[in-house]
């Protein structure tokens, strides 16, 4: 951030130090000279110039609007002054001292609270007084825009995405909210925070969420104007909370909805192939005897060839139909001889063994992952 300070305001003296940033020469000498000059002739603030300060803290008050605590470095700040802070502009309507008492002006090294900004500025930004509102708008236009964060946008990333627009009443709440959500999202889900800002939910937030297929979460904020109707019209989910725990629980549900299902396999039986009636790469008709457990239509198979520990997998597929004495049946037990129609890949031969198993989809949740992690430990 460029500070409008003249040489006279820093003592009016010039000391030359030869430095080279490319060759990294003279940098230590420069730092030593700056410290020495400051000790000998410390810079003095000029109370007669326009005010310049740093935002220490900022928040959104439901009754008074955006509030910004400022530490003035130089100059005097007056009620009625036009100011610019990064991308935020405004006119000082009220000045409050450290006791929250109204004051008309504040000088260098004075902490004050400004009321009158149009939006909540970022902590650490520079506040500068300008001569008129048009100058403030021009400076703001060249400053930083609203905070936007996007996770990796790799087109090859096929993970389900949780896209969010976050609004909060203060920068502190917003930072805590972002950190909490980021820590909650597992690697299986891609997090995309398309907008994160302080203030009420606006039409711009709704349209941004609609374009990004995002959910709007508001913490201790309300909805401006007719933005709620716009959200309903555009089909944008808008959720407001005043308790961080409730918001976190809702985020957890959204994450669970996006987690992929776990596939659980269960071995149910084995069949020895006695006869191959028909076999192609995709479809097979065989006869065999159930050696273990049971078999049923819809179950999955793995074709095993060889004996003992040397058996290898040579194909896989699914049982389409099971017949006994030319009648379709739903289950065959150990010792039963049956005919089977199989769909799958790989060649099958007499003497092969089929491992029969079922697959069940189990909805994964974050609590499930946490239990698995504990078991692993």
Protein backbone atom coordinates (compact mmCIF):
# COMPACT_ATOMS: atom_id res chain seq x y z
CA UNK A 1 0.00 0.00 0.00
CA UNK A 2 1.47 3.38 -1.02
CA UNK A 3 1.50 5.95 1.79
CA UNK A 4 1.26 9.63 0.86
CA UNK A 5 4.09 10.84 3.12
CA UNK A 6 6.48 13.57 2.05
CA UNK A 7 10.20 13.53 2.90
CA UNK A 8 9.58 16.45 5.25
CA UNK A 9 7.18 14.29 7.29
CA UNK A 10 9.95 11.78 7.82
CA UNK A 11 12.53 14.38 8.89
CA UNK A 12 13.37 15.97 5.55
CA UNK A 13 16.81 14.33 5.31
CA UNK A 14 18.22 11.99 2.69
CA UNK A 15 20.89 9.31 3.20
CA UNK A 16 22.23 7.34 0.23
CA UNK A 17 23.00 3.63 0.57
CA UNK A 18 24.16 1.63 -2.44
CA UNK A 19 22.14 -1.56 -2.82
CA UNK A 20 21.53 -4.21 -5.47
CA UNK A 21 18.46 -6.40 -5.15
CA UNK A 22 19.57 -8.65 -8.02
CA UNK A 23 23.01 -9.30 -6.51
CA UNK A 24 21.69 -9.10 -2.93
CA UNK A 25 24.29 -6.52 -1.94
CA UNK A 26 23.95 -3.70 0.53
CA UNK A 27 20.63 -4.87 2.02
CA UNK A 28 22.01 -5.30 5.54
CA UNK A 29 23.58 -1.83 5.35
CA UNK A 30 20.26 -0.39 4.24
CA UNK A 31 18.39 -1.92 7.16
CA UNK A 32 21.03 -0.75 9.62
CA UNK A 33 20.86 2.79 8.20
CA UNK A 34 17.06 2.85 8.50
CA UNK A 35 17.22 1.80 12.14
CA UNK A 36 20.04 4.27 12.88
CA UNK A 37 18.19 7.14 11.21
CA UNK A 38 15.02 6.31 13.13
CA UNK A 39 16.91 6.33 16.46
CA UNK A 40 18.71 9.63 15.75
CA UNK A 41 15.84 11.50 14.12
CA UNK A 42 12.54 9.64 14.66
CA UNK A 43 9.79 10.48 12.16
CA UNK A 44 7.07 12.75 13.45
CA UNK A 45 3.42 12.67 12.55
CA UNK A 46 1.89 15.77 10.99
CA UNK A 47 -1.49 16.58 12.59
CA UNK A 48 -2.23 19.15 9.88
CA UNK A 49 -2.41 16.74 6.94
CA UNK A 50 -5.22 14.38 5.92
CA UNK A 51 -5.48 11.32 8.13
CA UNK A 52 -3.82 8.01 7.37
CA UNK A 53 -4.31 4.90 9.50
CA UNK A 54 -4.56 1.11 9.71
CA UNK A 55 -7.72 -0.92 10.27
CA UNK A 56 -7.26 -2.88 13.50
CA UNK A 57 -10.64 -4.58 13.66
CA UNK A 58 -13.88 -4.50 11.69
CA UNK A 59 -17.36 -5.95 12.03
CA UNK A 60 -20.97 -5.52 10.98
CA UNK A 61 -23.30 -4.13 13.63
CA UNK A 62 -26.99 -4.91 13.10
CA UNK A 63 -28.01 -1.42 14.21
CA UNK A 64 -25.13 0.84 13.14
CA UNK A 65 -23.87 -0.96 10.04
CA UNK A 66 -20.17 -1.49 9.22
CA UNK A 67 -17.81 -0.53 12.05
CA UNK A 68 -14.03 -0.17 11.70
CA UNK A 69 -11.51 0.43 14.47
CA UNK A 70 -8.59 2.51 13.16
CA UNK A 71 -5.19 3.45 14.56
CA UNK A 72 -4.19 6.79 13.07
CA UNK A 73 -0.54 7.09 12.03
CA UNK A 74 -0.53 10.68 10.89
CA UNK A 75 -2.93 13.52 10.12
CA UNK A 76 -6.25 14.36 11.75
CA UNK A 77 -9.51 12.57 11.01
CA UNK A 78 -12.71 14.64 11.14
CA UNK A 79 -16.39 13.77 11.16
CA UNK A 80 -17.60 14.30 7.58
CA UNK A 81 -14.31 13.25 5.92
CA UNK A 82 -14.51 11.06 2.82
CA UNK A 83 -12.32 7.97 3.23
CA UNK A 84 -11.23 4.93 1.26
CA UNK A 85 -10.10 1.61 2.74
CA UNK A 86 -8.97 -0.88 0.08
CA UNK A 87 -12.09 -1.46 -2.01
CA UNK A 88 -14.41 0.16 0.57
CA UNK A 89 -15.48 3.80 0.53
CA UNK A 90 -17.55 5.93 2.86
CA UNK A 91 -17.98 9.19 4.73
CA UNK A 92 -17.30 9.43 8.46
CA UNK A 93 -20.71 10.00 10.07
CA UNK A 94 -19.54 9.35 13.62
CA UNK A 95 -16.24 8.98 15.44
CA UNK A 96 -16.06 7.02 18.70
CA UNK A 97 -13.11 7.05 21.07
CA UNK A 98 -11.91 4.11 23.18
CA UNK A 99 -14.76 4.73 25.66
CA UNK A 100 -17.35 4.66 22.82
CA UNK A 101 -17.92 8.39 23.31
CA UNK A 102 -18.63 10.59 20.29
CA UNK A 103 -15.78 12.89 19.27
CA UNK A 104 -15.48 15.39 16.42
CA UNK A 105 -11.89 14.67 15.41
CA UNK A 106 -8.91 12.42 16.20
CA UNK A 107 -5.19 13.03 15.82
CA UNK A 108 -2.08 10.84 15.30
CA UNK A 109 -1.63 7.70 17.43
CA UNK A 110 -5.31 7.79 18.39
CA UNK A 111 -7.46 4.64 18.17
CA UNK A 112 -10.98 5.45 16.96
CA UNK A 113 -14.03 3.66 15.59
CA UNK A 114 -15.45 4.88 12.28
CA UNK A 115 -19.15 4.70 11.47
CA UNK A 116 -20.16 5.49 7.89
CA UNK A 117 -18.36 3.02 5.65
CA UNK A 118 -20.42 1.32 2.95
CA UNK A 119 -18.99 -2.15 3.64
CA UNK A 120 -16.84 -3.88 6.23
CA UNK A 121 -13.12 -3.50 5.34
CA UNK A 122 -10.39 -6.08 5.85
CA UNK A 123 -8.33 -5.85 9.04
CA UNK A 124 -4.83 -4.60 8.23
CA UNK A 125 -5.89 -2.41 5.31
CA UNK A 126 -4.88 1.27 5.06
CA UNK A 127 -7.49 3.98 5.61
CA UNK A 128 -6.87 7.21 3.72
CA UNK A 129 -8.79 10.47 3.64
CA UNK A 130 -9.59 11.81 0.16
CA UNK A 131 -10.88 15.18 -0.96
CA UNK A 132 -14.17 14.02 -2.47
CA UNK A 133 -16.26 10.88 -3.03
CA UNK A 134 -15.32 10.59 -6.72
CA UNK A 135 -11.66 10.24 -5.74
CA UNK A 136 -12.61 7.62 -3.14
CA UNK A 137 -14.52 5.61 -5.75
CA UNK A 138 -11.57 5.75 -8.17
CA UNK A 139 -9.12 4.56 -5.51
CA UNK A 140 -11.49 1.80 -4.39
CA UNK A 141 -11.93 0.58 -7.96
CA UNK A 142 -8.20 0.00 -8.21
CA UNK A 143 -8.06 -1.68 -4.80
CA UNK A 144 -8.83 -5.21 -3.73
CA UNK A 145 -12.18 -6.79 -4.51
CA UNK A 146 -14.22 -9.13 -2.33
CA UNK A 147 -12.42 -12.17 -0.98
CA UNK A 148 -12.82 -15.13 -3.34
CA UNK A 149 -11.40 -18.59 -2.88
CA UNK A 150 -11.57 -21.48 -5.28
CA UNK A 151 -10.24 -24.94 -4.74
CA UNK A 152 -8.56 -26.76 -7.58
CA UNK A 153 -10.60 -26.37 -10.78
CA UNK A 154 -8.88 -29.19 -12.64
CA UNK A 155 -11.31 -30.45 -15.26
CA UNK A 156 -10.10 -34.00 -14.59
CA UNK A 157 -11.16 -33.75 -10.94
CA UNK A 158 -14.24 -35.97 -10.79
CA UNK A 159 -14.83 -35.61 -7.06
CA UNK A 160 -18.25 -34.28 -5.98
CA UNK A 161 -18.06 -30.56 -5.26
CA UNK A 162 -19.38 -28.62 -2.28
CA UNK A 163 -19.67 -25.02 -3.53
CA UNK A 164 -20.41 -22.32 -0.95
CA UNK A 165 -21.08 -18.61 -0.61
CA UNK A 166 -20.29 -17.51 2.96
CA UNK A 167 -21.58 -14.35 4.67
CA UNK A 168 -20.91 -13.34 8.28
CA UNK A 169 -21.29 -10.37 10.60
CA UNK A 170 -17.55 -9.82 11.17
CA UNK A 171 -14.18 -10.68 9.72
CA UNK A 172 -13.37 -12.73 12.79
CA UNK A 173 -16.52 -14.84 12.40
CA UNK A 174 -15.85 -15.23 8.69
CA UNK A 175 -12.29 -16.44 9.27
CA UNK A 176 -13.44 -18.91 11.93
CA UNK A 177 -16.20 -20.15 9.62
CA UNK A 178 -13.80 -20.72 6.71
CA UNK A 179 -11.32 -22.56 8.91
CA UNK A 180 -14.02 -24.76 10.43
CA UNK A 181 -15.49 -25.75 7.06
CA UNK A 182 -12.10 -26.36 5.46
CA UNK A 183 -11.14 -28.69 8.31
CA UNK A 184 -14.43 -30.61 7.98
CA UNK A 185 -14.26 -31.40 4.27
CA UNK A 186 -12.53 -34.77 3.52
CA UNK A 187 -10.33 -35.47 0.50
CA UNK A 188 -13.18 -37.30 -1.26
CA UNK A 189 -15.09 -33.99 -1.66
CA UNK A 190 -13.83 -30.88 -3.44
CA UNK A 191 -14.50 -27.66 -1.53
CA UNK A 192 -15.12 -24.49 -3.54
CA UNK A 193 -15.73 -21.23 -1.65
CA UNK A 194 -16.82 -18.98 -4.51
CA UNK A 195 -17.46 -15.94 -2.32
CA UNK A 196 -16.67 -15.09 1.30
CA UNK A 197 -17.62 -11.67 2.62
CA UNK A 198 -19.04 -9.66 5.50
CA UNK A 199 -22.55 -8.21 5.42
CA UNK A 200 -26.13 -9.19 4.64
CA UNK A 201 -26.98 -11.61 1.83
CA UNK A 202 -27.47 -9.55 -1.34
CA UNK A 203 -28.78 -10.11 -4.87
CA UNK A 204 -25.16 -10.36 -6.03
CA UNK A 205 -24.56 -13.23 -3.60
CA UNK A 206 -27.64 -15.04 -4.88
CA UNK A 207 -26.66 -14.66 -8.53
CA UNK A 208 -23.10 -15.77 -7.77
CA UNK A 209 -24.42 -18.87 -5.99
CA UNK A 210 -26.83 -19.59 -8.83
CA UNK A 211 -24.04 -19.43 -11.43
CA UNK A 212 -21.76 -21.70 -9.36
CA UNK A 213 -24.51 -24.08 -8.17
CA UNK A 214 -23.53 -23.10 -4.63
CA UNK A 215 -25.26 -22.98 -1.25
CA UNK A 216 -25.41 -19.67 0.63
CA UNK A 217 -24.60 -19.87 4.34
CA UNK A 218 -25.15 -16.78 6.49
CA UNK A 219 -23.92 -16.46 10.08
CA UNK A 220 -25.49 -13.72 12.25
CA UNK A 221 -26.62 -11.81 9.16
CA UNK A 222 -29.96 -11.12 7.51
CA UNK A 223 -31.11 -10.97 3.89
CA UNK A 224 -31.13 -7.59 2.18
CA UNK A 225 -34.14 -6.35 0.24
CA UNK A 226 -35.84 -8.92 -1.94
CA UNK A 227 -32.86 -11.26 -2.13
CA UNK A 228 -34.81 -14.07 -0.44
CA UNK A 229 -37.44 -13.98 -3.20
CA UNK A 230 -34.67 -13.94 -5.81
CA UNK A 231 -33.09 -17.01 -4.17
CA UNK A 232 -36.44 -18.83 -4.22
CA UNK A 233 -36.95 -17.88 -7.86
CA UNK A 234 -33.47 -19.06 -8.92
CA UNK A 235 -33.64 -22.22 -6.80
CA UNK A 236 -30.67 -21.21 -4.64
CA UNK A 237 -30.41 -22.79 -1.18
CA UNK A 238 -30.09 -19.99 1.39
CA UNK A 239 -29.42 -21.01 5.00
CA UNK A 240 -29.08 -18.58 7.92
CA UNK A 241 -27.72 -19.51 11.36
CA UNK A 242 -26.87 -17.72 14.59
CA UNK A 243 -25.21 -20.71 16.28
CA UNK A 244 -21.96 -22.02 14.77
CA UNK A 245 -22.71 -25.57 15.94
CA UNK A 246 -25.99 -25.66 13.98
CA UNK A 247 -24.25 -24.36 10.87
CA UNK A 248 -21.49 -26.96 11.20
CA UNK A 249 -24.05 -29.76 11.53
CA UNK A 250 -25.78 -28.63 8.35
CA UNK A 251 -22.44 -28.49 6.51
CA UNK A 252 -21.72 -32.03 7.75
CA UNK A 253 -25.00 -33.25 6.22
CA UNK A 254 -24.11 -31.64 2.88
CA UNK A 255 -20.71 -33.34 2.98
CA UNK A 256 -22.27 -36.73 3.81
CA UNK A 257 -24.63 -36.37 0.84
CA UNK A 258 -21.61 -35.98 -1.43
CA UNK A 259 -19.45 -38.79 -0.04
CA UNK A 260 -19.28 -41.81 -2.40
CA UNK A 261 -20.92 -45.06 -1.33
CA UNK A 262 -18.76 -47.87 0.03
CA UNK A 263 -19.11 -51.26 -1.68
CA UNK A 264 -19.15 -54.15 0.79
CA UNK A 265 -18.49 -57.62 -0.60
CA UNK A 266 -19.74 -60.82 1.07
CA UNK A 267 -18.75 -64.31 -0.10
CA UNK A 268 -21.83 -66.56 -0.20
CA UNK A 269 -20.65 -69.73 -1.95
CA UNK A 270 -18.49 -71.58 -4.48
CA UNK A 271 -19.39 -73.64 -7.52
CA UNK A 272 -17.29 -76.17 -9.43
CA UNK A 273 -17.75 -76.02 -13.23
CA UNK A 274 -18.65 -79.47 -14.58
CA UNK A 275 -19.72 -78.58 -18.14
CA UNK A 276 -19.42 -75.59 -20.47
CA UNK A 277 -22.33 -75.48 -22.93
CA UNK A 278 -21.69 -72.06 -24.44
CA UNK A 279 -18.95 -69.50 -23.93
CA UNK A 280 -18.07 -66.12 -25.46
CA UNK A 281 -16.23 -63.16 -24.03
CA UNK A 282 -19.51 -61.65 -22.81
CA UNK A 283 -21.91 -64.55 -22.17
CA UNK A 284 -21.56 -68.09 -20.85
CA UNK A 285 -23.88 -71.05 -20.13
CA UNK A 286 -22.46 -73.71 -17.83
CA UNK A 287 -23.39 -76.60 -15.58
CA UNK A 288 -21.88 -77.11 -12.15
CA UNK A 289 -22.21 -78.27 -8.55
CA UNK A 290 -22.48 -75.98 -5.52
CA UNK A 291 -19.40 -76.83 -3.41
CA UNK A 292 -19.89 -74.30 -0.59
CA UNK A 293 -22.65 -72.07 0.71
CA UNK A 294 -25.31 -71.15 -1.82
CA UNK A 295 -25.72 -69.31 -5.11
CA UNK A 296 -28.44 -66.99 -6.41
CA UNK A 297 -29.30 -64.89 -9.48
CA UNK A 298 -27.84 -61.39 -9.36
CA UNK A 299 -24.74 -62.46 -7.42
CA UNK A 300 -21.26 -61.63 -8.73
CA UNK A 301 -18.67 -64.24 -9.70
CA UNK A 302 -14.89 -64.52 -10.01
CA UNK A 303 -13.52 -67.34 -12.21
CA UNK A 304 -10.66 -69.13 -10.47
CA UNK A 305 -8.31 -71.53 -12.27
CA UNK A 306 -5.75 -73.86 -10.75
CA UNK A 307 -5.60 -75.52 -7.37
CA UNK A 308 -4.81 -74.54 -3.80
CA UNK A 309 -2.90 -71.30 -3.28
CA UNK A 310 -1.89 -71.23 -6.95
CA UNK A 311 -5.39 -70.37 -8.20
CA UNK A 312 -5.53 -67.27 -10.35
CA UNK A 313 -8.40 -65.03 -11.39
CA UNK A 314 -9.13 -65.39 -15.11
CA UNK A 315 -12.49 -63.64 -15.37
CA UNK A 316 -15.47 -62.11 -13.63
CA UNK A 317 -19.14 -61.48 -14.18
CA UNK A 318 -22.69 -61.71 -12.85
CA UNK A 319 -25.19 -64.58 -12.60
CA UNK A 320 -28.20 -63.83 -14.82
CA UNK A 321 -30.15 -67.04 -14.22
CA UNK A 322 -29.96 -70.29 -12.21
CA UNK A 323 -31.86 -73.40 -13.41
CA UNK A 324 -32.48 -76.83 -11.92
CA UNK A 325 -34.18 -79.47 -14.06
CA UNK A 326 -34.87 -76.73 -16.66
CA UNK A 327 -36.75 -74.62 -14.11
CA UNK A 328 -35.53 -71.21 -13.00
CA UNK A 329 -34.83 -71.08 -9.27
CA UNK A 330 -33.84 -68.28 -6.90
CA UNK A 331 -31.40 -70.24 -4.74
CA UNK A 332 -29.27 -73.38 -4.93
CA UNK A 333 -27.70 -74.98 -1.85
CA UNK A 334 -24.54 -77.02 -1.31
CA UNK A 335 -24.59 -80.27 -3.28
CA UNK A 336 -27.15 -79.05 -5.84
CA UNK A 337 -26.28 -79.44 -9.51
CA UNK A 338 -27.53 -76.52 -11.59
CA UNK A 339 -27.26 -74.77 -14.89
CA UNK A 340 -26.24 -71.08 -14.95
CA UNK A 341 -26.25 -68.21 -17.42
CA UNK A 342 -23.43 -65.77 -16.73
CA UNK A 343 -22.63 -62.39 -18.21
CA UNK A 344 -19.06 -61.17 -17.92
CA UNK A 345 -15.52 -61.24 -19.25
CA UNK A 346 -12.88 -63.95 -19.44
CA UNK A 347 -12.95 -67.54 -20.71
CA UNK A 348 -14.29 -70.39 -18.59
CA UNK A 349 -13.28 -74.06 -18.63
CA UNK A 350 -14.41 -77.30 -17.04
CA UNK A 351 -12.76 -77.70 -13.65
CA UNK A 352 -12.74 -73.96 -12.92
CA UNK A 353 -14.15 -72.80 -9.59
CA UNK A 354 -16.50 -69.82 -9.31
CA UNK A 355 -16.30 -67.67 -6.20
CA UNK A 356 -19.82 -66.32 -5.64
CA UNK A 357 -20.32 -63.05 -3.74
CA UNK A 358 -22.77 -60.22 -3.31
CA UNK A 359 -22.13 -56.47 -3.29
CA UNK A 360 -23.97 -54.04 -1.03
CA UNK A 361 -23.74 -50.26 -1.19
CA UNK A 362 -23.28 -48.66 2.21
CA UNK A 363 -23.72 -44.92 2.54
CA UNK A 364 -20.50 -43.43 3.83
CA UNK A 365 -20.64 -40.64 6.40
CA UNK A 366 -17.98 -38.62 8.17
CA UNK A 367 -18.80 -40.46 11.40
CA UNK A 368 -18.09 -43.74 9.56
CA UNK A 369 -14.72 -42.42 8.39
CA UNK A 370 -13.86 -41.32 11.92
CA UNK A 371 -14.67 -44.81 13.26
CA UNK A 372 -12.47 -46.40 10.59
CA UNK A 373 -9.64 -44.03 11.45
CA UNK A 374 -9.90 -44.98 15.11
CA UNK A 375 -9.81 -48.69 14.19
CA UNK A 376 -6.73 -48.08 12.05
CA UNK A 377 -4.98 -46.47 14.99
